[in-house]
Amino acid sequence: MTAKKTSDKKLILSELTRSYLLKDILQLENVRNPATLFRLLSLLVYQVGNEVSLNELASNLGVDKNTVARYLYLLEKCYVIYNLRGFSRNLRSEITRTGKYYFCDVGVRNAIINNFSPIETRNDVGHLWENFVIMERIKKQTYSGIYANNYFWRTWEKQEIDFVEERDGKLSAYEIKWGKHSHQNAPSQWQEQYGKESEFVVVNQENVVKFVT
């Protein structure tokens, strides 16, 4: 039966999230410290759209770096999170050592921190939107048989692009914005290095449907 009330949807989503994580992941994969895994997920919730440092996560959790790496790999393998790596053509100014993590389902992200507030009242709407758009685009690639390498791009001078697709040697760069009429130009360093071989598009509420379906 499909839940119709918002309260029922929240309850079902919360129960499924905890049941799935606890039973399917923790038991099948022999995770000895479920509390640490949930704390790791909570930290990732607040870092969506930002680069993640394994050393920083390990310090916050009070565990070693290898344990964090193992848990992240496990969560990726079970399709809870998705790791987006940095793009580079070996330029000194480009950052590639860190990655960004997105939740494969934003409902799971919300359930982890028990935040189901309406989108118009949230202070994390930008991160939610970025998570949703990127994951829906990746799902579209899968459903449509689109073979692409996916990245984010950032330089030490803090110029950045949210999502970069590399398909058949061609680059497409996408900046993701919540505003309906958001527009901007490609960052100058990207334009100088890759502008001739790539397109740059701002994905907002006006064109998101075309981008993800």
N, C-alpha and C. Protein backbone atom coordinates (compact mmCIF):
# COMPACT_ATOMS: atom_id res chain seq x y z
N MET A 1 0.85 -1.20 0.00
CA MET A 1 0.00 0.00 0.00
C MET A 1 0.88 1.25 0.00
N THR A 2 0.54 2.23 -0.79
CA THR A 2 1.30 3.47 -0.87
C THR A 2 0.82 4.44 0.19
N ALA A 3 1.75 4.98 0.97
CA ALA A 3 1.39 5.92 2.02
C ALA A 3 0.95 7.24 1.41
N LYS A 4 -0.12 7.82 1.95
CA LYS A 4 -0.64 9.09 1.43
C LYS A 4 -0.33 10.24 2.37
N LYS A 5 -0.36 9.98 3.67
CA LYS A 5 -0.10 11.03 4.63
C LYS A 5 1.40 11.29 4.74
N THR A 6 1.77 12.56 4.91
CA THR A 6 3.17 12.91 5.05
C THR A 6 3.80 12.22 6.25
N SER A 7 3.06 12.15 7.35
CA SER A 7 3.59 11.51 8.56
C SER A 7 3.88 10.03 8.32
N ASP A 8 3.01 9.36 7.55
CA ASP A 8 3.24 7.95 7.24
C ASP A 8 4.46 7.77 6.35
N LYS A 9 4.64 8.67 5.40
CA LYS A 9 5.80 8.60 4.51
C LYS A 9 7.09 8.76 5.30
N LYS A 10 7.09 9.71 6.25
CA LYS A 10 8.28 9.93 7.08
C LYS A 10 8.61 8.67 7.87
N LEU A 11 7.59 8.07 8.47
CA LEU A 11 7.78 6.88 9.29
C LEU A 11 8.34 5.73 8.46
N ILE A 12 7.73 5.51 7.29
CA ILE A 12 8.17 4.40 6.43
C ILE A 12 9.60 4.61 5.95
N LEU A 13 9.91 5.83 5.55
CA LEU A 13 11.26 6.12 5.06
C LEU A 13 12.29 5.94 6.16
N SER A 14 11.99 6.40 7.36
CA SER A 14 12.92 6.26 8.48
C SER A 14 13.14 4.80 8.83
N GLU A 15 12.04 4.02 8.85
CA GLU A 15 12.15 2.61 9.20
C GLU A 15 12.92 1.84 8.13
N LEU A 16 12.65 2.15 6.86
CA LEU A 16 13.36 1.46 5.78
C LEU A 16 14.85 1.79 5.80
N THR A 17 15.16 3.05 6.06
CA THR A 17 16.56 3.46 6.10
C THR A 17 17.32 2.71 7.17
N ARG A 18 16.76 2.70 8.38
CA ARG A 18 17.45 2.03 9.48
C ARG A 18 17.45 0.52 9.30
N SER A 19 16.37 -0.04 8.79
CA SER A 19 16.31 -1.48 8.58
C SER A 19 17.32 -1.90 7.52
N TYR A 20 17.37 -1.15 6.43
CA TYR A 20 18.28 -1.48 5.33
C TYR A 20 19.73 -1.38 5.80
N LEU A 21 20.06 -0.26 6.45
CA LEU A 21 21.43 -0.06 6.88
C LEU A 21 21.84 -1.07 7.93
N LEU A 22 20.97 -1.30 8.89
CA LEU A 22 21.33 -2.20 9.99
C LEU A 22 21.36 -3.66 9.56
N LYS A 23 20.31 -4.10 8.87
CA LYS A 23 20.21 -5.52 8.54
C LYS A 23 21.03 -5.91 7.32
N ASP A 24 20.84 -5.19 6.24
CA ASP A 24 21.48 -5.58 4.99
C ASP A 24 22.97 -5.25 4.96
N ILE A 25 23.34 -4.10 5.48
CA ILE A 25 24.73 -3.68 5.42
C ILE A 25 25.51 -4.15 6.64
N LEU A 26 25.04 -3.79 7.82
CA LEU A 26 25.80 -4.08 9.03
C LEU A 26 25.98 -5.57 9.25
N GLN A 27 24.92 -6.34 9.05
CA GLN A 27 25.01 -7.76 9.31
C GLN A 27 25.72 -8.50 8.19
N LEU A 28 25.33 -8.24 6.94
CA LEU A 28 25.92 -8.96 5.83
C LEU A 28 27.40 -8.65 5.66
N GLU A 29 27.79 -7.44 5.97
CA GLU A 29 29.18 -7.03 5.76
C GLU A 29 30.01 -7.08 7.05
N ASN A 30 29.40 -7.59 8.13
CA ASN A 30 30.13 -7.78 9.38
C ASN A 30 30.74 -6.48 9.90
N VAL A 31 29.93 -5.43 9.92
CA VAL A 31 30.36 -4.16 10.50
C VAL A 31 30.23 -4.25 12.01
N ARG A 32 31.33 -4.08 12.69
CA ARG A 32 31.34 -4.30 14.14
C ARG A 32 30.88 -3.09 14.94
N ASN A 33 30.90 -1.92 14.34
CA ASN A 33 30.56 -0.72 15.09
C ASN A 33 29.51 0.09 14.32
N PRO A 34 28.23 -0.29 14.42
CA PRO A 34 27.19 0.42 13.67
C PRO A 34 27.07 1.88 14.05
N ALA A 35 27.36 2.21 15.32
CA ALA A 35 27.26 3.61 15.75
C ALA A 35 28.23 4.48 14.97
N THR A 36 29.43 3.97 14.72
CA THR A 36 30.42 4.74 13.95
C THR A 36 29.96 4.93 12.52
N LEU A 37 29.34 3.90 11.95
CA LEU A 37 28.84 4.01 10.58
C LEU A 37 27.76 5.08 10.47
N PHE A 38 26.85 5.12 11.43
CA PHE A 38 25.80 6.13 11.41
C PHE A 38 26.36 7.52 11.66
N ARG A 39 27.35 7.63 12.50
CA ARG A 39 27.99 8.93 12.72
C ARG A 39 28.69 9.40 11.45
N LEU A 40 29.31 8.46 10.74
CA LEU A 40 29.95 8.79 9.47
C LEU A 40 28.92 9.30 8.47
N LEU A 41 27.79 8.63 8.38
CA LEU A 41 26.73 9.07 7.48
C LEU A 41 26.23 10.46 7.85
N SER A 42 26.09 10.72 9.14
CA SER A 42 25.63 12.03 9.59
C SER A 42 26.63 13.12 9.19
N LEU A 43 27.92 12.82 9.30
CA LEU A 43 28.93 13.79 8.88
C LEU A 43 28.85 14.04 7.38
N LEU A 44 28.62 12.99 6.60
CA LEU A 44 28.52 13.14 5.15
C LEU A 44 27.31 13.96 4.74
N VAL A 45 26.22 13.84 5.50
CA VAL A 45 25.02 14.62 5.21
C VAL A 45 25.35 16.10 5.14
N TYR A 46 26.15 16.57 6.10
CA TYR A 46 26.45 17.99 6.18
C TYR A 46 27.62 18.41 5.29
N GLN A 47 28.19 17.46 4.56
CA GLN A 47 29.28 17.80 3.66
C GLN A 47 28.94 17.56 2.19
N VAL A 48 27.67 17.31 1.91
CA VAL A 48 27.25 17.14 0.52
C VAL A 48 27.63 18.38 -0.28
N GLY A 49 28.28 18.17 -1.39
CA GLY A 49 28.70 19.28 -2.24
C GLY A 49 30.06 19.83 -1.89
N ASN A 50 30.65 19.35 -0.79
CA ASN A 50 31.98 19.78 -0.37
C ASN A 50 32.97 18.63 -0.49
N GLU A 51 34.23 18.97 -0.65
CA GLU A 51 35.25 17.94 -0.69
C GLU A 51 35.43 17.33 0.69
N VAL A 52 35.64 16.02 0.71
CA VAL A 52 35.71 15.28 1.97
C VAL A 52 37.13 14.80 2.21
N SER A 53 37.62 15.05 3.41
CA SER A 53 38.95 14.60 3.82
C SER A 53 38.82 13.37 4.70
N LEU A 54 39.45 12.27 4.31
CA LEU A 54 39.42 11.06 5.12
C LEU A 54 40.06 11.29 6.48
N ASN A 55 41.13 12.07 6.51
CA ASN A 55 41.80 12.35 7.77
C ASN A 55 40.89 13.12 8.72
N GLU A 56 40.15 14.08 8.17
CA GLU A 56 39.23 14.87 9.00
C GLU A 56 38.09 14.00 9.52
N LEU A 57 37.53 13.15 8.67
CA LEU A 57 36.46 12.24 9.10
C LEU A 57 36.97 11.31 10.20
N ALA A 58 38.16 10.75 9.99
CA ALA A 58 38.74 9.83 10.98
C ALA A 58 38.93 10.53 12.32
N SER A 59 39.40 11.77 12.28
CA SER A 59 39.61 12.52 13.52
C SER A 59 38.29 12.77 14.24
N ASN A 60 37.26 13.15 13.49
CA ASN A 60 35.96 13.42 14.11
C ASN A 60 35.32 12.16 14.69
N LEU A 61 35.58 11.03 14.06
CA LEU A 61 34.97 9.77 14.50
C LEU A 61 35.81 9.04 15.54
N GLY A 62 37.07 9.43 15.68
CA GLY A 62 37.94 8.77 16.63
C GLY A 62 38.36 7.38 16.19
N VAL A 63 38.48 7.20 14.88
CA VAL A 63 38.93 5.92 14.32
C VAL A 63 40.07 6.20 13.35
N ASP A 64 40.68 5.14 12.83
CA ASP A 64 41.79 5.34 11.90
C ASP A 64 41.26 5.56 10.48
N LYS A 65 42.12 6.10 9.64
CA LYS A 65 41.77 6.45 8.26
C LYS A 65 41.33 5.23 7.46
N ASN A 66 41.96 4.09 7.70
CA ASN A 66 41.63 2.88 6.95
C ASN A 66 40.20 2.41 7.24
N THR A 67 39.76 2.59 8.49
CA THR A 67 38.39 2.22 8.86
C THR A 67 37.38 3.10 8.11
N VAL A 68 37.67 4.40 8.05
CA VAL A 68 36.80 5.32 7.32
C VAL A 68 36.75 4.94 5.84
N ALA A 69 37.90 4.64 5.27
CA ALA A 69 37.95 4.26 3.85
C ALA A 69 37.15 2.99 3.60
N ARG A 70 37.24 2.04 4.51
CA ARG A 70 36.48 0.78 4.36
C ARG A 70 34.99 1.05 4.43
N TYR A 71 34.54 1.86 5.38
CA TYR A 71 33.12 2.16 5.52
C TYR A 71 32.59 2.91 4.31
N LEU A 72 33.37 3.84 3.79
CA LEU A 72 32.95 4.59 2.61
C LEU A 72 32.81 3.66 1.42
N TYR A 73 33.77 2.77 1.24
CA TYR A 73 33.70 1.80 0.15
C TYR A 73 32.47 0.92 0.30
N LEU A 74 32.19 0.49 1.51
CA LEU A 74 31.03 -0.34 1.79
C LEU A 74 29.74 0.38 1.44
N LEU A 75 29.63 1.63 1.82
CA LEU A 75 28.43 2.42 1.54
C LEU A 75 28.26 2.67 0.04
N GLU A 76 29.38 2.84 -0.65
CA GLU A 76 29.32 2.96 -2.11
C GLU A 76 28.84 1.66 -2.74
N LYS A 77 29.40 0.57 -2.31
CA LYS A 77 29.07 -0.73 -2.87
C LYS A 77 27.60 -1.07 -2.67
N CYS A 78 27.02 -0.59 -1.58
CA CYS A 78 25.61 -0.85 -1.27
C CYS A 78 24.69 0.25 -1.79
N TYR A 79 25.22 1.15 -2.62
CA TYR A 79 24.45 2.21 -3.27
C TYR A 79 23.74 3.13 -2.27
N VAL A 80 24.44 3.44 -1.18
CA VAL A 80 23.95 4.45 -0.24
C VAL A 80 24.52 5.81 -0.61
N ILE A 81 25.80 5.83 -0.99
CA ILE A 81 26.46 7.07 -1.37
C ILE A 81 27.16 6.89 -2.72
N TYR A 82 27.49 8.01 -3.34
CA TYR A 82 28.20 8.01 -4.63
C TYR A 82 29.40 8.93 -4.50
N ASN A 83 30.55 8.46 -4.94
CA ASN A 83 31.78 9.24 -4.85
C ASN A 83 32.08 9.92 -6.18
N LEU A 84 32.15 11.25 -6.15
CA LEU A 84 32.48 12.03 -7.34
C LEU A 84 33.91 12.54 -7.19
N ARG A 85 34.76 12.19 -8.13
CA ARG A 85 36.17 12.55 -8.06
C ARG A 85 36.45 13.84 -8.83
N GLY A 86 37.61 14.43 -8.54
CA GLY A 86 37.99 15.67 -9.19
C GLY A 86 38.56 15.44 -10.59
N PHE A 87 38.25 16.35 -11.51
CA PHE A 87 38.73 16.26 -12.89
C PHE A 87 40.02 17.04 -13.04
N SER A 88 40.94 16.48 -13.82
CA SER A 88 42.18 17.19 -14.10
C SER A 88 42.83 16.65 -15.36
N ARG A 89 43.50 17.54 -16.07
CA ARG A 89 44.37 17.14 -17.16
C ARG A 89 45.82 17.42 -16.75
N ASN A 90 46.07 17.12 -15.48
CA ASN A 90 47.41 17.26 -14.91
C ASN A 90 47.89 18.71 -14.80
N LEU A 91 46.96 19.60 -14.54
CA LEU A 91 47.34 20.98 -14.29
C LEU A 91 47.66 21.15 -12.81
N ARG A 92 48.66 21.90 -12.50
CA ARG A 92 49.08 22.09 -11.11
C ARG A 92 48.00 22.74 -10.26
N SER A 93 47.18 23.57 -10.90
CA SER A 93 46.19 24.33 -10.13
C SER A 93 44.95 23.53 -9.79
N GLU A 94 44.79 22.31 -10.36
CA GLU A 94 43.56 21.55 -10.19
C GLU A 94 43.65 20.58 -9.01
N ILE A 95 42.56 20.47 -8.27
CA ILE A 95 42.50 19.61 -7.09
C ILE A 95 41.88 18.27 -7.46
N THR A 96 42.56 17.19 -7.15
CA THR A 96 42.04 15.86 -7.50
C THR A 96 42.16 14.85 -6.36
N ARG A 97 42.85 15.19 -5.30
CA ARG A 97 43.10 14.21 -4.25
C ARG A 97 41.88 13.94 -3.38
N THR A 98 41.00 14.89 -3.27
CA THR A 98 39.80 14.70 -2.46
C THR A 98 38.61 14.39 -3.35
N GLY A 99 37.55 13.86 -2.76
CA GLY A 99 36.33 13.55 -3.48
C GLY A 99 35.13 14.17 -2.81
N LYS A 100 34.02 14.16 -3.51
CA LYS A 100 32.74 14.58 -2.94
C LYS A 100 31.83 13.36 -2.86
N TYR A 101 30.98 13.34 -1.84
CA TYR A 101 30.05 12.22 -1.67
C TYR A 101 28.62 12.73 -1.72
N TYR A 102 27.81 12.05 -2.52
CA TYR A 102 26.39 12.36 -2.63
C TYR A 102 25.58 11.13 -2.24
N PHE A 103 24.39 11.35 -1.70
CA PHE A 103 23.51 10.25 -1.33
C PHE A 103 22.71 9.82 -2.55
N CYS A 104 22.68 8.52 -2.79
CA CYS A 104 21.95 8.01 -3.96
C CYS A 104 20.47 8.33 -3.87
N ASP A 105 19.94 8.51 -2.68
CA ASP A 105 18.54 8.88 -2.46
C ASP A 105 18.51 9.99 -1.42
N VAL A 106 17.99 11.18 -1.79
CA VAL A 106 17.97 12.29 -0.84
C VAL A 106 17.01 12.03 0.31
N GLY A 107 16.04 11.11 0.10
CA GLY A 107 15.15 10.73 1.19
C GLY A 107 15.91 10.04 2.31
N VAL A 108 16.88 9.20 1.93
CA VAL A 108 17.73 8.54 2.93
C VAL A 108 18.57 9.58 3.66
N ARG A 109 19.08 10.55 2.91
CA ARG A 109 19.85 11.64 3.53
C ARG A 109 19.02 12.34 4.59
N ASN A 110 17.77 12.66 4.26
CA ASN A 110 16.89 13.34 5.21
C ASN A 110 16.57 12.46 6.41
N ALA A 111 16.38 11.17 6.17
CA ALA A 111 16.03 10.25 7.25
C ALA A 111 17.16 10.09 8.25
N ILE A 112 18.38 10.16 7.78
CA ILE A 112 19.53 9.99 8.66
C ILE A 112 19.58 11.09 9.72
N ILE A 113 19.19 12.30 9.34
CA ILE A 113 19.22 13.42 10.29
C ILE A 113 17.82 13.81 10.74
N ASN A 114 16.81 13.01 10.36
CA ASN A 114 15.42 13.26 10.75
C ASN A 114 14.97 14.68 10.42
N ASN A 115 15.27 15.10 9.21
CA ASN A 115 14.86 16.43 8.76
C ASN A 115 14.01 16.28 7.50
N PHE A 116 12.71 16.42 7.67
CA PHE A 116 11.78 16.30 6.54
C PHE A 116 11.04 17.63 6.31
N SER A 117 11.67 18.72 6.68
CA SER A 117 11.04 20.04 6.54
C SER A 117 10.79 20.37 5.08
N PRO A 118 9.75 21.15 4.78
CA PRO A 118 9.48 21.56 3.40
C PRO A 118 10.68 22.29 2.81
N ILE A 119 10.86 22.13 1.51
CA ILE A 119 12.04 22.67 0.84
C ILE A 119 12.17 24.17 1.03
N GLU A 120 11.03 24.88 1.08
CA GLU A 120 11.09 26.35 1.16
C GLU A 120 11.54 26.84 2.53
N THR A 121 11.58 25.97 3.53
CA THR A 121 11.97 26.40 4.88
C THR A 121 13.36 25.90 5.27
N ARG A 122 14.03 25.21 4.38
CA ARG A 122 15.31 24.59 4.72
C ARG A 122 16.48 25.51 4.42
N ASN A 123 17.52 25.40 5.27
CA ASN A 123 18.72 26.18 5.02
C ASN A 123 19.77 25.39 4.24
N ASP A 124 19.44 24.13 3.90
CA ASP A 124 20.36 23.30 3.12
C ASP A 124 19.81 23.02 1.72
N VAL A 125 18.94 23.90 1.24
CA VAL A 125 18.27 23.65 -0.03
C VAL A 125 19.26 23.56 -1.19
N GLY A 126 20.33 24.35 -1.15
CA GLY A 126 21.31 24.31 -2.23
C GLY A 126 22.00 22.96 -2.32
N HIS A 127 22.37 22.41 -1.16
CA HIS A 127 23.03 21.10 -1.14
C HIS A 127 22.06 19.99 -1.53
N LEU A 128 20.82 20.09 -1.07
CA LEU A 128 19.80 19.10 -1.44
C LEU A 128 19.58 19.09 -2.95
N TRP A 129 19.46 20.27 -3.52
CA TRP A 129 19.22 20.41 -4.95
C TRP A 129 20.39 19.85 -5.76
N GLU A 130 21.60 20.19 -5.34
CA GLU A 130 22.79 19.68 -6.03
C GLU A 130 22.84 18.16 -5.95
N ASN A 131 22.57 17.60 -4.78
CA ASN A 131 22.56 16.14 -4.60
C ASN A 131 21.52 15.50 -5.51
N PHE A 132 20.32 16.06 -5.51
CA PHE A 132 19.23 15.50 -6.32
C PHE A 132 19.56 15.53 -7.80
N VAL A 133 20.00 16.68 -8.29
CA VAL A 133 20.24 16.84 -9.73
C VAL A 133 21.37 15.92 -10.21
N ILE A 134 22.46 15.88 -9.47
CA ILE A 134 23.59 15.05 -9.88
C ILE A 134 23.21 13.58 -9.90
N MET A 135 22.53 13.12 -8.86
CA MET A 135 22.17 11.70 -8.82
C MET A 135 21.14 11.34 -9.88
N GLU A 136 20.20 12.23 -10.16
CA GLU A 136 19.22 11.96 -11.21
C GLU A 136 19.89 11.93 -12.58
N ARG A 137 20.90 12.78 -12.77
CA ARG A 137 21.64 12.76 -14.04
C ARG A 137 22.38 11.44 -14.20
N ILE A 138 22.99 10.97 -13.12
CA ILE A 138 23.72 9.70 -13.17
C ILE A 138 22.75 8.54 -13.43
N LYS A 139 21.57 8.60 -12.85
CA LYS A 139 20.56 7.57 -13.12
C LYS A 139 20.14 7.62 -14.59
N LYS A 140 20.02 8.83 -15.14
CA LYS A 140 19.67 8.96 -16.56
C LYS A 140 20.75 8.32 -17.43
N GLN A 141 22.01 8.52 -17.08
CA GLN A 141 23.09 7.90 -17.84
C GLN A 141 22.91 6.39 -17.88
N THR A 142 22.58 5.82 -16.72
CA THR A 142 22.42 4.37 -16.62
C THR A 142 21.24 3.89 -17.46
N TYR A 143 20.08 4.55 -17.29
CA TYR A 143 18.87 4.12 -17.99
C TYR A 143 18.97 4.31 -19.50
N SER A 144 19.70 5.34 -19.92
CA SER A 144 19.77 5.67 -21.34
C SER A 144 20.98 5.07 -22.04
N GLY A 145 21.79 4.34 -21.30
CA GLY A 145 22.98 3.75 -21.91
C GLY A 145 24.01 4.79 -22.29
N ILE A 146 24.10 5.87 -21.50
CA ILE A 146 25.09 6.92 -21.74
C ILE A 146 26.36 6.56 -20.97
N TYR A 147 27.45 6.37 -21.69
CA TYR A 147 28.71 6.01 -21.05
C TYR A 147 29.55 7.27 -20.86
N ALA A 148 29.75 7.64 -19.61
CA ALA A 148 30.45 8.88 -19.30
C ALA A 148 31.27 8.73 -18.04
N ASN A 149 32.36 9.48 -17.98
CA ASN A 149 33.12 9.63 -16.74
C ASN A 149 32.63 10.90 -16.07
N ASN A 150 32.35 10.83 -14.79
CA ASN A 150 31.77 11.95 -14.06
C ASN A 150 32.76 12.52 -13.04
N TYR A 151 32.80 13.84 -12.96
CA TYR A 151 33.74 14.51 -12.07
C TYR A 151 33.12 15.82 -11.53
N PHE A 152 33.80 16.40 -10.55
CA PHE A 152 33.66 17.82 -10.25
C PHE A 152 34.98 18.46 -10.62
N TRP A 153 35.03 19.78 -10.65
CA TRP A 153 36.28 20.47 -11.00
C TRP A 153 36.49 21.64 -10.04
N ARG A 154 37.72 21.74 -9.54
CA ARG A 154 38.04 22.84 -8.63
C ARG A 154 39.54 23.11 -8.69
N THR A 155 39.88 24.39 -8.54
CA THR A 155 41.29 24.78 -8.52
C THR A 155 41.65 25.31 -7.13
N TRP A 156 42.94 25.43 -6.90
CA TRP A 156 43.41 25.97 -5.62
C TRP A 156 42.98 27.43 -5.44
N GLU A 157 42.67 28.09 -6.55
CA GLU A 157 42.16 29.47 -6.47
C GLU A 157 40.65 29.50 -6.21
N LYS A 158 40.06 28.31 -5.96
CA LYS A 158 38.66 28.16 -5.58
C LYS A 158 37.69 28.45 -6.71
N GLN A 159 38.15 28.33 -7.95
CA GLN A 159 37.22 28.31 -9.06
C GLN A 159 36.71 26.88 -9.19
N GLU A 160 35.42 26.71 -9.42
CA GLU A 160 34.88 25.35 -9.41
C GLU A 160 33.67 25.19 -10.32
N ILE A 161 33.41 23.93 -10.67
CA ILE A 161 32.24 23.52 -11.42
C ILE A 161 31.68 22.27 -10.75
N ASP A 162 30.36 22.24 -10.59
CA ASP A 162 29.74 21.17 -9.81
C ASP A 162 29.85 19.80 -10.46
N PHE A 163 29.66 19.73 -11.77
CA PHE A 163 29.55 18.43 -12.43
C PHE A 163 30.14 18.50 -13.83
N VAL A 164 31.05 17.59 -14.12
CA VAL A 164 31.69 17.52 -15.44
C VAL A 164 31.50 16.13 -16.00
N GLU A 165 30.99 16.05 -17.22
CA GLU A 165 30.86 14.79 -17.94
C GLU A 165 31.92 14.71 -19.03
N GLU A 166 32.56 13.57 -19.12
CA GLU A 166 33.50 13.32 -20.20
C GLU A 166 32.97 12.15 -21.02
N ARG A 167 32.54 12.46 -22.24
CA ARG A 167 31.93 11.44 -23.12
C ARG A 167 32.62 11.47 -24.47
N ASP A 168 33.21 10.32 -24.81
CA ASP A 168 33.90 10.19 -26.11
C ASP A 168 34.91 11.32 -26.32
N GLY A 169 35.61 11.66 -25.25
CA GLY A 169 36.64 12.68 -25.34
C GLY A 169 36.13 14.11 -25.29
N LYS A 170 34.81 14.30 -25.22
CA LYS A 170 34.22 15.64 -25.16
C LYS A 170 33.78 15.96 -23.74
N LEU A 171 34.00 17.21 -23.35
CA LEU A 171 33.67 17.65 -22.00
C LEU A 171 32.39 18.49 -21.99
N SER A 172 31.55 18.24 -20.98
CA SER A 172 30.37 19.06 -20.74
C SER A 172 30.40 19.45 -19.27
N ALA A 173 30.35 20.75 -19.00
CA ALA A 173 30.45 21.25 -17.64
C ALA A 173 29.11 21.85 -17.21
N TYR A 174 28.68 21.50 -15.99
CA TYR A 174 27.38 21.93 -15.51
C TYR A 174 27.50 22.55 -14.12
N GLU A 175 26.99 23.75 -13.99
CA GLU A 175 26.89 24.40 -12.69
C GLU A 175 25.43 24.30 -12.25
N ILE A 176 25.19 23.82 -11.04
CA ILE A 176 23.84 23.53 -10.58
C ILE A 176 23.38 24.60 -9.60
N LYS A 177 22.27 25.27 -9.94
CA LYS A 177 21.76 26.37 -9.12
C LYS A 177 20.28 26.16 -8.83
N TRP A 178 19.86 26.50 -7.61
CA TRP A 178 18.48 26.35 -7.20
C TRP A 178 17.57 27.40 -7.84
N GLY A 179 18.05 28.61 -7.99
CA GLY A 179 17.23 29.70 -8.52
C GLY A 179 16.71 29.43 -9.91
N LYS A 180 15.49 29.86 -10.20
CA LYS A 180 14.85 29.62 -11.49
C LYS A 180 15.56 30.33 -12.63
N HIS A 181 16.12 31.48 -12.35
CA HIS A 181 16.71 32.29 -13.42
C HIS A 181 18.21 32.47 -13.21
N SER A 182 18.85 31.47 -12.62
CA SER A 182 20.28 31.57 -12.34
C SER A 182 21.09 31.39 -13.62
N HIS A 183 22.01 32.30 -13.84
CA HIS A 183 22.89 32.21 -15.00
C HIS A 183 24.27 32.73 -14.61
N GLN A 184 25.29 32.20 -15.24
CA GLN A 184 26.64 32.68 -15.01
C GLN A 184 27.53 32.15 -16.12
N ASN A 185 28.71 32.73 -16.21
CA ASN A 185 29.67 32.29 -17.20
C ASN A 185 30.59 31.22 -16.60
N ALA A 186 31.25 30.47 -17.46
CA ALA A 186 32.21 29.47 -16.99
C ALA A 186 33.36 30.17 -16.27
N PRO A 187 33.91 29.56 -15.23
CA PRO A 187 35.08 30.13 -14.54
C PRO A 187 36.21 30.40 -15.53
N SER A 188 36.97 31.46 -15.28
CA SER A 188 37.99 31.89 -16.23
C SER A 188 39.05 30.82 -16.49
N GLN A 189 39.47 30.11 -15.43
CA GLN A 189 40.50 29.09 -15.62
C GLN A 189 39.98 27.91 -16.45
N TRP A 190 38.71 27.57 -16.25
CA TRP A 190 38.12 26.51 -17.08
C TRP A 190 38.02 26.98 -18.53
N GLN A 191 37.60 28.20 -18.71
CA GLN A 191 37.44 28.73 -20.05
C GLN A 191 38.77 28.77 -20.79
N GLU A 192 39.82 29.15 -20.08
CA GLU A 192 41.14 29.23 -20.70
C GLU A 192 41.67 27.85 -21.09
N GLN A 193 41.44 26.86 -20.23
CA GLN A 193 42.02 25.54 -20.45
C GLN A 193 41.15 24.63 -21.31
N TYR A 194 39.82 24.71 -21.09
CA TYR A 194 38.93 23.73 -21.72
C TYR A 194 37.80 24.34 -22.54
N GLY A 195 37.72 25.65 -22.57
CA GLY A 195 36.60 26.32 -23.23
C GLY A 195 36.39 25.92 -24.68
N LYS A 196 37.47 25.69 -25.41
CA LYS A 196 37.36 25.36 -26.84
C LYS A 196 36.84 23.95 -27.08
N GLU A 197 36.96 23.08 -26.09
CA GLU A 197 36.55 21.68 -26.30
C GLU A 197 35.36 21.29 -25.44
N SER A 198 34.69 22.25 -24.81
CA SER A 198 33.61 21.89 -23.89
C SER A 198 32.45 22.87 -24.00
N GLU A 199 31.30 22.41 -23.52
CA GLU A 199 30.16 23.30 -23.35
C GLU A 199 29.97 23.56 -21.86
N PHE A 200 29.38 24.69 -21.53
CA PHE A 200 29.11 25.05 -20.14
C PHE A 200 27.65 25.44 -20.01
N VAL A 201 26.94 24.78 -19.08
CA VAL A 201 25.50 25.00 -18.91
C VAL A 201 25.19 25.17 -17.42
N VAL A 202 24.35 26.13 -17.11
CA VAL A 202 23.82 26.27 -15.76
C VAL A 202 22.51 25.50 -15.68
N VAL A 203 22.43 24.53 -14.78
CA VAL A 203 21.21 23.75 -14.61
C VAL A 203 20.43 24.33 -13.45
N ASN A 204 19.21 24.80 -13.74
CA ASN A 204 18.35 25.39 -12.71
C ASN A 204 16.94 24.81 -12.84
N GLN A 205 16.00 25.39 -12.15
CA GLN A 205 14.63 24.87 -12.16
C GLN A 205 13.98 24.96 -13.53
N GLU A 206 14.47 25.84 -14.37
CA GLU A 206 13.87 26.00 -15.68
C GLU A 206 14.23 24.87 -16.65
N ASN A 207 15.44 24.34 -16.56
CA ASN A 207 15.88 23.35 -17.53
C ASN A 207 16.24 21.99 -16.92
N VAL A 208 15.94 21.81 -15.63
CA VAL A 208 16.38 20.58 -14.96
C VAL A 208 15.70 19.33 -15.52
N VAL A 209 14.43 19.44 -15.93
CA VAL A 209 13.71 18.27 -16.43
C VAL A 209 14.42 17.69 -17.64
N LYS A 210 14.82 18.55 -18.55
CA LYS A 210 15.55 18.10 -19.74
C LYS A 210 16.87 17.45 -19.36
N PHE A 211 17.49 17.94 -18.31
CA PHE A 211 18.80 17.46 -17.90
C PHE A 211 18.74 16.07 -17.27
N VAL A 212 17.67 15.76 -16.59
CA VAL A 212 17.62 14.49 -15.83
C VAL A 212 16.67 13.45 -16.40
N THR A 213 15.95 13.78 -17.49
CA THR A 213 15.01 12.79 -18.04
C THR A 213 15.30 12.55 -19.52
